[in-house]
Amino acid sequence: MAYTNALSAYRETRVKTASQGQLIIMLYDEAVRQLDMGLDLLGENLSEKKDPGRIEQISKAILKTQEIITELMVSLDFEQGGEIAKNLFSLYTWFNHELLEANIRQDLKQITLIRRMICELRGAWSEIIAKNTAEGMGRPSSGVNIAG
C-alpha cells in the first residue's frame, strides 16, 4: 500500500514539474504503451480462443489511446503553431478515426500502423525538445538564485 502511494505521489510530482515538451513526450509514451498493451492482448486473442474479457481490455487500451490523442489535439496552439498545428490536428483526427475502425474490426495491422506513426511523431518531438533545451543551455536562467 505504501509503495502504491509513493509511486502515485512520484507520478503526480513528475507531471506537475514537467515542461510542456516533457508532457507531450509523456502523452506519446503512454499512447504507445496503451497500444502495445492492446496489441499484445489482440495477438493472444488471435492465437487462442477469443476471450470476451480480453476483447474488453483491448478496447479499453485503444480508447485510452484515443483519449490521449484527443488531449494532444486540444493542446495545439493554432496561433503559434500555424500550418504545423493544422497538420497535426488533421493527423490526430485521422488517428482517432482509424483507431475507432481498428477497434471495431480488431485489426492488428491498422493498430500497428498507428503505433508506428505515433512513435515517429514522438521521436520528432523528442528531437525538437532536445534541440531547444541544448540551445537554451547557454542562456542565463530566469529561475530563482538560491546561492544568495
Protein backbone atom coordinates (compact mmCIF):
# COMPACT_ATOMS: atom_id res chain seq x y z
CA MET A 1 0.00 0.00 0.00
CA ALA A 2 2.79 2.43 0.91
CA TYR A 3 4.58 1.57 -2.34
CA THR A 4 1.43 2.36 -4.34
CA ASN A 5 1.04 5.71 -2.58
CA ALA A 6 4.72 6.56 -3.12
CA LEU A 7 4.52 5.64 -6.80
CA SER A 8 1.36 7.70 -7.21
CA ALA A 9 2.98 10.70 -5.49
CA TYR A 10 6.07 10.34 -7.69
CA ARG A 11 3.99 10.25 -10.87
CA GLU A 12 1.96 13.26 -9.78
CA THR A 13 5.09 15.26 -8.97
CA ARG A 14 6.70 14.23 -12.26
CA VAL A 15 3.71 15.53 -14.23
CA LYS A 16 3.40 18.74 -12.20
CA THR A 17 7.08 19.61 -12.62
CA ALA A 18 7.43 18.61 -16.29
CA SER A 19 7.94 21.17 -19.02
CA GLN A 20 5.39 21.45 -21.80
CA GLY A 21 7.68 19.44 -24.08
CA GLN A 22 8.15 16.72 -21.48
CA LEU A 23 4.37 16.48 -21.05
CA ILE A 24 3.94 15.95 -24.79
CA ILE A 25 6.55 13.17 -24.72
CA MET A 26 4.79 11.60 -21.70
CA LEU A 27 1.50 11.60 -23.62
CA TYR A 28 3.12 9.95 -26.63
CA ASP A 29 4.83 7.40 -24.38
CA GLU A 30 1.54 6.50 -22.72
CA ALA A 31 -0.24 6.25 -26.09
CA VAL A 32 2.43 3.81 -27.29
CA ARG A 33 2.24 1.86 -24.03
CA GLN A 34 -1.54 1.54 -24.34
CA LEU A 35 -1.29 0.43 -27.97
CA ASP A 36 1.38 -2.12 -27.04
CA MET A 37 -0.93 -3.50 -24.37
CA GLY A 38 -3.82 -3.67 -26.85
CA LEU A 39 -1.63 -5.31 -29.50
CA ASP A 40 -0.35 -7.93 -27.05
CA LEU A 41 -3.89 -8.78 -25.97
CA LEU A 42 -5.12 -8.81 -29.55
CA GLY A 43 -2.29 -11.16 -30.54
CA GLU A 44 -3.28 -13.51 -27.71
CA ASN A 45 -6.90 -13.36 -28.85
CA LEU A 46 -5.97 -14.22 -32.43
CA SER A 47 -3.77 -17.16 -31.43
CA GLU A 48 -6.11 -18.54 -28.79
CA LYS A 49 -9.85 -18.80 -28.31
CA LYS A 50 -11.40 -15.32 -28.17
CA ASP A 51 -11.98 -14.21 -24.62
CA PRO A 52 -14.71 -11.56 -24.13
CA GLY A 53 -12.79 -10.16 -21.15
CA ARG A 54 -9.71 -9.76 -23.29
CA ILE A 55 -11.73 -8.02 -26.01
CA GLU A 56 -12.89 -5.51 -23.40
CA GLN A 57 -9.28 -4.91 -22.28
CA ILE A 58 -8.20 -4.38 -25.90
CA SER A 59 -10.99 -1.90 -26.39
CA LYS A 60 -10.10 -0.02 -23.19
CA ALA A 61 -6.45 0.29 -24.23
CA ILE A 62 -7.42 1.65 -27.64
CA LEU A 63 -9.97 4.04 -26.12
CA LYS A 64 -7.32 5.30 -23.69
CA THR A 65 -5.05 5.97 -26.67
CA GLN A 66 -7.85 7.90 -28.35
CA GLU A 67 -8.29 9.99 -25.20
CA ILE A 68 -4.56 10.77 -25.20
CA ILE A 69 -4.69 11.77 -28.86
CA THR A 70 -7.67 14.00 -28.12
CA GLU A 71 -5.67 15.62 -25.31
CA LEU A 72 -2.85 16.27 -27.80
CA MET A 73 -5.43 17.79 -30.19
CA VAL A 74 -6.82 20.25 -27.66
CA SER A 75 -3.33 21.31 -26.60
CA LEU A 76 -2.43 22.54 -30.08
CA ASP A 77 -1.80 26.27 -30.36
CA PHE A 78 -3.07 27.28 -33.80
CA GLU A 79 -1.84 30.88 -33.47
CA GLN A 80 1.78 29.99 -32.77
CA GLY A 81 1.76 26.61 -34.50
CA GLY A 82 0.24 27.79 -37.77
CA GLU A 83 0.33 25.22 -40.55
CA ILE A 84 2.09 22.61 -38.39
CA ALA A 85 -0.68 22.75 -35.79
CA LYS A 86 -3.31 22.38 -38.51
CA ASN A 87 -1.50 19.38 -39.97
CA LEU A 88 -1.11 17.77 -36.55
CA PHE A 89 -4.80 18.33 -35.86
CA SER A 90 -5.69 16.58 -39.12
CA LEU A 91 -3.31 13.73 -38.35
CA TYR A 92 -4.67 13.31 -34.81
CA THR A 93 -8.22 13.30 -36.19
CA TRP A 94 -7.20 10.60 -38.66
CA PHE A 95 -5.53 8.58 -35.86
CA ASN A 96 -8.71 8.64 -33.80
CA HIS A 97 -10.86 7.65 -36.77
CA GLU A 98 -8.54 4.79 -37.72
CA LEU A 99 -8.31 3.58 -34.11
CA LEU A 100 -12.10 3.57 -33.88
CA GLU A 101 -12.33 1.43 -37.03
CA ALA A 102 -9.44 -0.82 -35.94
CA ASN A 103 -11.05 -1.32 -32.55
CA ILE A 104 -14.34 -2.37 -34.10
CA ARG A 105 -12.62 -4.78 -36.53
CA GLN A 106 -9.89 -5.80 -34.05
CA ASP A 107 -7.43 -5.01 -36.86
CA LEU A 108 -3.88 -5.82 -35.75
CA LYS A 109 -2.26 -4.32 -38.87
CA GLN A 110 -4.05 -0.97 -38.57
CA ILE A 111 -3.26 -0.62 -34.87
CA THR A 112 0.38 -1.46 -35.60
CA LEU A 113 0.49 1.21 -38.32
CA ILE A 114 -0.91 3.87 -35.98
CA ARG A 115 1.53 2.82 -33.26
CA ARG A 116 4.47 3.19 -35.66
CA MET A 117 3.30 6.64 -36.75
CA ILE A 118 2.87 7.77 -33.14
CA CYS A 119 6.41 6.53 -32.39
CA GLU A 120 7.72 8.56 -35.33
CA LEU A 121 5.96 11.69 -34.07
CA ARG A 122 7.27 11.05 -30.57
CA GLY A 123 10.79 10.83 -31.98
CA ALA A 124 10.36 14.11 -33.86
CA TRP A 125 9.06 15.86 -30.73
CA SER A 126 11.93 14.42 -28.71
CA GLU A 127 14.48 15.83 -31.18
CA ILE A 128 12.80 19.25 -31.16
CA ILE A 129 12.74 19.35 -27.37
CA ALA A 130 16.37 18.22 -27.11
CA LYS A 131 17.44 20.86 -29.65
CA ASN A 132 15.52 23.62 -27.84
CA THR A 133 16.97 22.50 -24.49
CA ALA A 134 20.52 22.47 -25.89
CA GLU A 135 20.07 25.93 -27.41
CA GLY A 136 18.75 27.24 -24.10
CA MET A 137 21.77 25.92 -22.15
CA GLY A 138 23.90 28.97 -22.97
CA ARG A 139 21.23 31.43 -21.90
CA PRO A 140 21.01 32.79 -18.38
CA SER A 141 18.43 31.08 -16.23
CA SER A 142 15.36 33.03 -15.22
CA GLY A 143 14.94 30.82 -12.16
CA VAL A 144 15.45 31.73 -8.51
CA ASN A 145 19.06 32.20 -7.39
CA ILE A 146 19.33 30.02 -4.30
CA ALA A 147 23.03 30.88 -3.79
CA GLY A 148 22.14 34.30 -2.44
